[in-house]
Protein backbone atom coordinates (compact mmCIF):
# COMPACT_ATOMS: atom_id res chain seq x y z
CA UNK A 1 -39.09 10.87 2.07
CA UNK A 2 -39.35 13.63 4.68
CA UNK A 3 -39.03 11.02 7.45
CA UNK A 4 -35.76 9.79 5.97
CA UNK A 5 -34.48 13.37 5.79
CA UNK A 6 -35.12 13.80 9.52
CA UNK A 7 -33.20 10.59 10.30
CA UNK A 8 -30.29 11.74 8.13
CA UNK A 9 -30.29 15.14 9.83
CA UNK A 10 -30.33 13.46 13.26
CA UNK A 11 -27.35 11.27 12.29
CA UNK A 12 -25.27 14.23 11.18
CA UNK A 13 -26.13 16.11 14.37
CA UNK A 14 -25.01 13.14 16.48
CA UNK A 15 -21.78 12.87 14.52
CA UNK A 16 -21.14 16.60 14.91
CA UNK A 17 -21.57 16.37 18.69
CA UNK A 18 -19.34 13.30 19.03
CA UNK A 19 -15.74 14.57 19.08
CA UNK A 20 -14.27 11.06 19.05
CA UNK A 21 -16.18 10.20 15.90
CA UNK A 22 -15.18 13.50 14.27
CA UNK A 23 -11.56 12.60 14.96
CA UNK A 24 -12.05 9.18 13.37
CA UNK A 25 -13.68 10.72 10.31
CA UNK A 26 -11.42 13.69 9.62
CA UNK A 27 -8.22 13.59 11.70
CA UNK A 28 -7.32 9.90 11.42
CA UNK A 29 -7.51 9.75 7.58
CA UNK A 30 -5.31 12.82 7.20
CA UNK A 31 -2.68 11.38 9.54
CA UNK A 32 -2.81 8.03 7.76
CA UNK A 33 -2.44 9.66 4.35
CA UNK A 34 0.55 11.67 5.55
CA UNK A 35 2.29 8.76 7.26
CA UNK A 36 1.35 5.63 5.32
CA UNK A 37 2.16 7.20 1.97
CA UNK A 38 5.79 7.49 3.08
CA UNK A 39 6.44 4.59 5.41
CA UNK A 40 4.73 1.76 3.49
CA UNK A 41 7.34 1.01 0.87
CA UNK A 42 9.23 -2.00 -0.42
CA UNK A 43 12.21 0.17 -1.24
CA UNK A 44 15.39 -0.44 0.74
CA UNK A 45 17.52 2.58 1.54
CA UNK A 46 20.20 3.69 4.01
CA UNK A 47 21.81 0.24 3.97
CA UNK A 48 24.60 0.13 6.55
CA UNK A 49 27.69 -0.87 4.56
CA UNK A 50 31.30 -1.87 5.20
CA UNK A 51 33.89 -1.35 2.45
CA UNK A 52 37.08 -3.37 2.41
CA UNK A 53 39.28 -1.94 -0.34
CA UNK A 54 42.28 -4.22 -0.80
CA UNK A 55 43.12 -2.68 -4.19
CA UNK A 56 43.35 0.96 -3.07
CA UNK A 57 43.56 2.44 -6.56
CA UNK A 58 41.74 5.30 -8.26
CA UNK A 59 39.67 2.69 -10.07
CA UNK A 60 38.48 1.02 -6.84
CA UNK A 61 37.86 4.40 -5.21
CA UNK A 62 35.65 5.42 -8.13
CA UNK A 63 33.56 2.27 -7.56
CA UNK A 64 33.24 3.13 -3.86
CA UNK A 65 32.12 6.62 -4.84
CA UNK A 66 29.32 5.09 -6.91
CA UNK A 67 28.03 3.27 -3.87
CA UNK A 68 28.30 6.40 -1.73
CA UNK A 69 26.26 8.52 -4.14
CA UNK A 70 23.72 5.89 -5.15
CA UNK A 71 21.23 6.90 -2.47
CA UNK A 72 20.89 3.32 -1.26
CA UNK A 73 24.04 2.69 0.78
CA UNK A 74 25.44 4.37 3.88
CA UNK A 75 29.13 3.50 4.04
CA UNK A 76 29.62 3.62 7.77
CA UNK A 77 32.83 1.62 8.05
CA UNK A 78 36.06 1.14 6.10
CA UNK A 79 38.06 -1.96 6.96
CA UNK A 80 41.42 -3.15 5.72
CA UNK A 81 41.64 -6.43 7.64
CA UNK A 82 39.42 -9.15 6.15
CA UNK A 83 39.55 -11.14 9.40
CA UNK A 84 37.44 -8.44 11.10
CA UNK A 85 34.66 -8.43 8.50
CA UNK A 86 32.45 -11.11 10.14
CA UNK A 87 32.29 -8.94 13.27
CA UNK A 88 30.24 -6.25 11.50
CA UNK A 89 27.61 -8.72 10.34
CA UNK A 90 27.54 -10.67 13.59
CA UNK A 91 27.10 -7.53 15.69
CA UNK A 92 24.42 -6.08 13.42
CA UNK A 93 26.46 -2.95 12.72
CA UNK A 94 26.27 -3.57 8.99
CA UNK A 95 23.93 -5.31 6.58
CA UNK A 96 26.35 -5.69 3.69
CA UNK A 97 30.12 -5.95 3.31
CA UNK A 98 31.76 -5.24 -0.06
CA UNK A 99 35.32 -6.49 -0.59
CA UNK A 100 37.41 -5.20 -3.50
CA UNK A 101 40.31 -7.63 -3.89
CA UNK A 102 43.93 -6.69 -4.45
CA UNK A 103 45.00 -6.21 -8.09
CA UNK A 104 41.34 -5.77 -8.95
CA UNK A 105 41.82 -2.88 -11.38
CA UNK A 106 44.93 -4.49 -12.91
CA UNK A 107 43.02 -7.68 -13.69
CA UNK A 108 40.17 -5.75 -15.29
CA UNK A 109 42.49 -3.67 -17.46
CA UNK A 110 44.17 -6.86 -18.66
CA UNK A 111 40.78 -8.48 -19.28
CA UNK A 112 41.32 -11.13 -16.62
CA UNK A 113 38.58 -12.37 -14.33
CA UNK A 114 38.33 -10.52 -11.04
CA UNK A 115 35.52 -10.98 -8.53
CA UNK A 116 34.09 -8.59 -5.97
CA UNK A 117 32.99 -10.28 -2.76
CA UNK A 118 29.62 -9.25 -1.31
CA UNK A 119 28.64 -10.47 2.17
CA UNK A 120 24.98 -10.00 3.11
CA UNK A 121 22.97 -10.28 6.31
CA UNK A 122 20.27 -12.72 5.17
CA UNK A 123 17.96 -12.54 8.19
CA UNK A 124 15.51 -10.52 6.12
CA UNK A 125 15.56 -12.35 2.80
CA UNK A 126 13.58 -9.65 0.99
CA UNK A 127 15.98 -6.88 2.06
CA UNK A 128 18.99 -9.03 1.21
CA UNK A 129 17.63 -9.80 -2.27
CA UNK A 130 16.92 -6.14 -3.01
CA UNK A 131 20.34 -5.11 -1.67
CA UNK A 132 22.08 -7.63 -3.91
CA UNK A 133 20.13 -6.27 -6.86
CA UNK A 134 21.35 -2.75 -6.07
CA UNK A 135 24.96 -3.95 -5.87
CA UNK A 136 24.74 -5.79 -9.20
CA UNK A 137 23.08 -2.81 -10.88
CA UNK A 138 25.73 -0.33 -9.70
CA UNK A 139 28.62 -2.61 -10.71
CA UNK A 140 27.11 -3.40 -14.11
CA UNK A 141 26.56 0.27 -14.94
CA UNK A 142 30.07 1.15 -13.79
CA UNK A 143 31.76 -1.56 -15.88
CA UNK A 144 29.72 -0.67 -18.97
CA UNK A 145 30.72 3.00 -18.66
CA UNK A 146 34.39 2.09 -18.28
CA UNK A 147 34.25 -0.19 -21.31
CA UNK A 148 32.61 2.58 -23.31
CA UNK A 149 35.39 4.95 -22.33
CA UNK A 150 37.93 2.32 -23.41
CA UNK A 151 36.22 2.01 -26.78
CA UNK A 152 36.40 5.79 -27.22
CA UNK A 153 40.16 5.72 -26.64
CA UNK A 154 40.66 2.53 -28.70
CA UNK A 155 38.25 2.60 -31.67
CA UNK A 156 39.54 -0.72 -33.01
CA UNK A 157 38.38 -2.50 -29.85
CA UNK A 158 34.91 -4.05 -30.23
CA UNK A 159 33.37 -4.87 -26.86
CA UNK A 160 30.78 -7.60 -26.53
CA UNK A 161 28.15 -5.80 -24.49
CA UNK A 162 24.42 -6.42 -24.46
CA UNK A 163 22.41 -3.52 -23.14
CA UNK A 164 18.74 -3.50 -22.24
CA UNK A 165 16.96 -0.31 -23.26
CA UNK A 166 14.31 0.04 -20.57
CA UNK A 167 11.12 2.03 -20.82
CA UNK A 168 8.93 2.20 -17.72
CA UNK A 169 5.25 2.69 -18.47
CA UNK A 170 2.63 4.32 -16.19
CA UNK A 171 5.14 5.26 -13.46
CA UNK A 172 8.35 6.41 -15.19
CA UNK A 173 10.03 7.63 -11.99
CA UNK A 174 9.12 4.44 -10.11
CA UNK A 175 7.60 6.45 -7.27
CA UNK A 176 6.28 3.96 -4.72
CA UNK A 177 3.77 6.49 -3.39
CA UNK A 178 2.02 6.43 -6.79
CA UNK A 179 1.31 2.76 -6.13
CA UNK A 180 0.48 2.93 -2.42
CA UNK A 181 -1.62 6.08 -2.03
CA UNK A 182 -4.50 4.86 -4.26
CA UNK A 183 -4.62 1.73 -2.10
CA UNK A 184 -4.68 3.89 1.02
CA UNK A 185 -7.74 5.68 -0.38
CA UNK A 186 -9.58 2.34 -0.62
CA UNK A 187 -8.39 1.35 2.84
CA UNK A 188 -9.73 4.58 4.36
CA UNK A 189 -13.04 4.20 2.56
CA UNK A 190 -13.35 0.67 3.92
CA UNK A 191 -12.50 1.63 7.50
CA UNK A 192 -14.66 4.73 7.75
CA UNK A 193 -17.83 3.34 6.19
CA UNK A 194 -17.74 -0.11 7.80
CA UNK A 195 -16.55 0.99 11.24
CA UNK A 196 -18.83 3.98 11.63
CA UNK A 197 -21.90 2.17 10.34
CA UNK A 198 -21.10 -0.70 12.71
CA UNK A 199 -21.00 1.68 15.66
CA UNK A 200 -24.14 3.60 14.66
CA UNK A 201 -26.97 1.26 15.65
CA UNK A 202 -25.08 -0.09 18.63
CA UNK A 203 -24.64 3.43 19.98
CA UNK A 204 -28.39 4.02 19.60
CA UNK A 205 -29.07 0.85 21.56
CA UNK A 206 -26.62 1.71 24.34
CA UNK A 207 -27.94 5.23 24.94
CA UNK A 208 -31.55 4.03 24.74
CA UNK A 209 -32.69 6.01 21.68
CA UNK A 210 -33.22 2.94 19.47
CA UNK A 211 -36.41 2.05 21.33
CA UNK A 212 -37.65 5.59 20.84
CA UNK A 213 -37.03 5.33 17.11
CA UNK A 214 -38.88 2.03 16.92
CA UNK A 215 -42.07 3.48 18.43
CA UNK A 216 -42.11 6.41 15.98
CA UNK A 217 -44.16 6.08 12.75
CA UNK A 218 -41.04 5.00 10.86
CA UNK A 219 -40.90 1.92 8.71
CA UNK A 220 -37.88 -0.31 9.02
CA UNK A 221 -36.59 0.46 5.55
CA UNK A 222 -36.88 4.21 6.25
CA UNK A 223 -34.86 3.83 9.44
CA UNK A 224 -32.31 1.72 7.59
CA UNK A 225 -31.90 4.17 4.72
CA UNK A 226 -31.70 7.13 7.10
CA UNK A 227 -28.94 5.42 9.08
CA UNK A 228 -26.88 4.36 6.06
CA UNK A 229 -26.95 7.43 3.79
CA UNK A 230 -24.93 9.69 6.17
CA UNK A 231 -22.09 7.15 6.32
CA UNK A 232 -22.13 6.80 2.53
CA UNK A 233 -21.80 10.59 2.23
CA UNK A 234 -18.96 10.58 4.76
CA UNK A 235 -17.27 7.83 2.76
CA UNK A 236 -17.27 10.01 -0.36
CA UNK A 237 -15.92 12.92 1.69
CA UNK A 238 -13.03 10.67 2.74
CA UNK A 239 -12.44 9.77 -0.90
CA UNK A 240 -12.38 13.45 -1.84
CA UNK A 241 -9.80 14.13 0.88
CA UNK A 242 -7.69 11.18 -0.29
CA UNK A 243 -7.85 12.32 -3.93
CA UNK A 244 -6.87 15.86 -2.93
CA UNK A 245 -3.86 14.58 -0.98
CA UNK A 246 -2.86 12.25 -3.82
CA UNK A 247 -2.91 15.09 -6.33
CA UNK A 248 -1.64 18.03 -4.28
CA UNK A 249 0.65 16.50 -1.65
CA UNK A 250 2.06 13.46 -3.47
CA UNK A 251 1.75 14.92 -7.00
CA UNK A 252 0.23 11.72 -8.34
CA UNK A 253 -1.09 12.18 -11.89
CA UNK A 254 -4.58 10.70 -11.74
CA UNK A 255 -4.92 9.76 -15.40
CA UNK A 256 -8.18 7.79 -15.27
CA UNK A 257 -11.84 8.74 -15.33
CA UNK A 258 -12.98 9.87 -11.89
CA UNK A 259 -16.64 9.29 -12.76
CA UNK A 260 -15.83 5.65 -13.50
CA UNK A 261 -14.02 5.42 -10.19
CA UNK A 262 -17.00 6.99 -8.39
CA UNK A 263 -19.28 4.37 -9.99
CA UNK A 264 -17.14 1.52 -8.67
CA UNK A 265 -16.93 3.25 -5.27
CA UNK A 266 -20.74 3.33 -5.04
CA UNK A 267 -20.89 -0.39 -5.78
CA UNK A 268 -18.14 -1.06 -3.22
CA UNK A 269 -20.05 0.92 -0.57
CA UNK A 270 -22.76 -1.76 -0.58
CA UNK A 271 -20.11 -4.18 0.67
CA UNK A 272 -18.58 -1.96 3.36
CA UNK A 273 -21.90 -0.54 4.60
CA UNK A 274 -23.42 -4.01 4.52
CA UNK A 275 -20.54 -5.31 6.61
CA UNK A 276 -21.01 -2.51 9.14
CA UNK A 277 -24.76 -3.07 9.23
CA UNK A 278 -24.27 -6.79 9.85
CA UNK A 279 -21.86 -6.10 12.71
CA UNK A 280 -24.15 -3.49 14.29
CA UNK A 281 -27.09 -5.89 14.11
CA UNK A 282 -25.05 -8.67 15.73
CA UNK A 283 -23.17 -6.79 18.47
CA UNK A 284 -24.67 -5.69 21.79
CA UNK A 285 -22.08 -3.07 22.75
CA UNK A 286 -19.83 -0.64 20.90
CA UNK A 287 -16.81 -2.56 22.16
CA UNK A 288 -18.12 -5.77 20.60
CA UNK A 289 -18.85 -3.92 17.36
CA UNK A 290 -15.31 -2.53 17.31
CA UNK A 291 -13.67 -5.94 17.79
CA UNK A 292 -15.93 -7.63 15.25
CA UNK A 293 -15.21 -4.90 12.70
CA UNK A 294 -11.46 -5.17 13.15
CA UNK A 295 -11.67 -8.94 12.74
CA UNK A 296 -13.06 -8.48 9.23
CA UNK A 297 -10.92 -5.44 8.42
CA UNK A 298 -7.62 -7.13 9.26
CA UNK A 299 -8.48 -10.03 6.95
CA UNK A 300 -9.49 -7.65 4.17
CA UNK A 301 -6.32 -5.58 4.64
CA UNK A 302 -3.86 -8.49 4.62
CA UNK A 303 -5.50 -10.43 1.79
CA UNK A 304 -6.19 -7.53 -0.56
CA UNK A 305 -2.78 -7.05 -2.19
CA UNK A 306 -2.63 -3.57 -0.67
CA UNK A 307 0.85 -4.13 0.80
CA UNK A 308 1.78 -7.75 0.14
CA UNK A 309 1.49 -8.94 -3.48
CA UNK A 310 -1.07 -11.72 -3.79
CA UNK A 311 1.22 -13.51 -6.26
CA UNK A 312 3.77 -13.97 -3.46
CA UNK A 313 1.28 -15.68 -1.14
CA UNK A 314 0.92 -19.48 -0.84
CA UNK A 315 -1.50 -21.00 -3.30
CA UNK A 316 -4.17 -21.59 -0.65
CA UNK A 317 -4.00 -17.96 0.47
CA UNK A 318 -4.32 -16.82 -3.13
CA UNK A 319 -7.54 -18.80 -3.51
CA UNK A 320 -8.88 -17.41 -0.22
CA UNK A 321 -8.15 -13.85 -1.40
CA UNK A 322 -10.84 -14.24 -4.06
CA UNK A 323 -13.35 -14.06 -1.19
CA UNK A 324 -12.09 -10.60 -0.27
CA UNK A 325 -14.02 -7.77 -1.99
CA UNK A 326 -11.29 -5.28 -1.12
CA UNK A 327 -8.97 -7.18 -3.46
CA UNK A 328 -11.07 -6.18 -6.45
CA UNK A 329 -11.43 -2.55 -5.40
CA UNK A 330 -7.66 -2.23 -4.95
CA UNK A 331 -7.18 -3.44 -8.52
CA UNK A 332 -9.83 -1.00 -9.78
CA UNK A 333 -8.36 2.08 -8.11
CA UNK A 334 -4.79 1.34 -9.20
CA UNK A 335 -5.83 0.55 -12.76
CA UNK A 336 -7.84 3.77 -13.03
CA UNK A 337 -5.42 6.07 -11.21
CA UNK A 338 -2.13 4.85 -12.66
CA UNK A 339 -2.98 3.23 -16.00
CA UNK A 340 -6.08 5.21 -16.93
CA UNK A 341 -7.98 1.98 -17.53
CA UNK A 342 -11.47 2.13 -19.01
CA UNK A 343 -14.49 -0.01 -18.20
CA UNK A 344 -13.52 -2.77 -20.65
CA UNK A 345 -10.33 -3.45 -18.69
CA UNK A 346 -11.91 -3.75 -15.23
CA UNK A 347 -15.47 -4.90 -15.75
CA UNK A 348 -14.73 -8.32 -14.24
CA UNK A 349 -13.78 -6.59 -10.99
CA UNK A 350 -17.08 -4.72 -11.24
CA UNK A 351 -18.99 -7.97 -11.61
CA UNK A 352 -17.26 -9.37 -8.51
CA UNK A 353 -18.03 -6.22 -6.50
CA UNK A 354 -21.69 -6.36 -7.51
CA UNK A 355 -21.93 -9.99 -6.39
CA UNK A 356 -20.22 -9.33 -3.06
CA UNK A 357 -22.10 -6.09 -2.45
CA UNK A 358 -25.50 -7.59 -3.24
CA UNK A 359 -24.89 -10.70 -1.15
CA UNK A 360 -23.40 -8.97 1.92
CA UNK A 361 -25.88 -6.11 1.93
CA UNK A 362 -28.91 -8.40 1.51
CA UNK A 363 -27.73 -10.66 4.30
CA UNK A 364 -27.10 -7.64 6.54
CA UNK A 365 -30.60 -6.25 5.87
CA UNK A 366 -32.17 -9.59 6.82
CA UNK A 367 -30.12 -9.66 10.01
CA UNK A 368 -31.13 -6.06 10.76
CA UNK A 369 -34.83 -6.87 10.32
CA UNK A 370 -34.53 -9.86 12.64
CA UNK A 371 -32.97 -7.70 15.36
CA UNK A 372 -35.64 -5.03 14.97
CA UNK A 373 -38.49 -7.48 15.74
């Protein structure tokens, strides 16, 4: 046991002396937490908008005011000539054009059909779909409020309105950071533990200290444990930093059991550390280790459901995602953080992580032993 302690102490001393590695461990995660928590979002805001008000009444102006104060639309242009409207979309100056026809308010007051024209830039289909949803929501709320006012002034009038009473569970304010930051915590844990462990043995080989370690009275398993434990400890430090940012900076209410999350994190570490160990045993230089690590990390990132919902992927990609252990850990952290899930709700993800962790780590240990011969 004392031999392993010396190896662990040596690893921490090397990390402390390596400024580049210290930056990767402590500076990079903080920057990523600060930036990714804000910029990774499926919300669409500041939509450049053109308004063409052909009605020009107080009623139409009140609708325009709703769009102005919605927080989603920037009304940058007002146009009165419909012939000029295609120019704004063709030139890219606007993403949406809203046309209020003449006699619009008169038709509504007389209960006649009147349509509002919405022209969208459909290059980005996701943005266009979300924008159209915003437009429909604002118009529906506005018309319902006006009808309610009409009922108040005319009690004998019975409107035929169906309203949906919505209750949002787990994230009442629909804060996208509540959904993304837990995923960022898993992403940082994956990067730090797999990348640093991949670089560890390769760095020893490049500077010539690996041969010195091999001639010491150390057994292979002692060397292996001594090399891995420091990176596992650093991984939990990264998790602690991520949790602190989630709670203090983003004000995310972590409603689940942190001990349960720590248990799943330990199981997941066998996967990430095993991946790093396999890369370090296969690469000859730190550059090779870096490229090999990023090859696996990019796949894990894209196929995990961290940013892009797995349900939106093609069927083949959905099946392939089952081979990605990060997929299961993303589900675990979001279920625990946001929903407060207990073990009964996520034990299948635990089973998958145990299978992946045991398989990857065992294969990596065999590869490590082959390289140490």
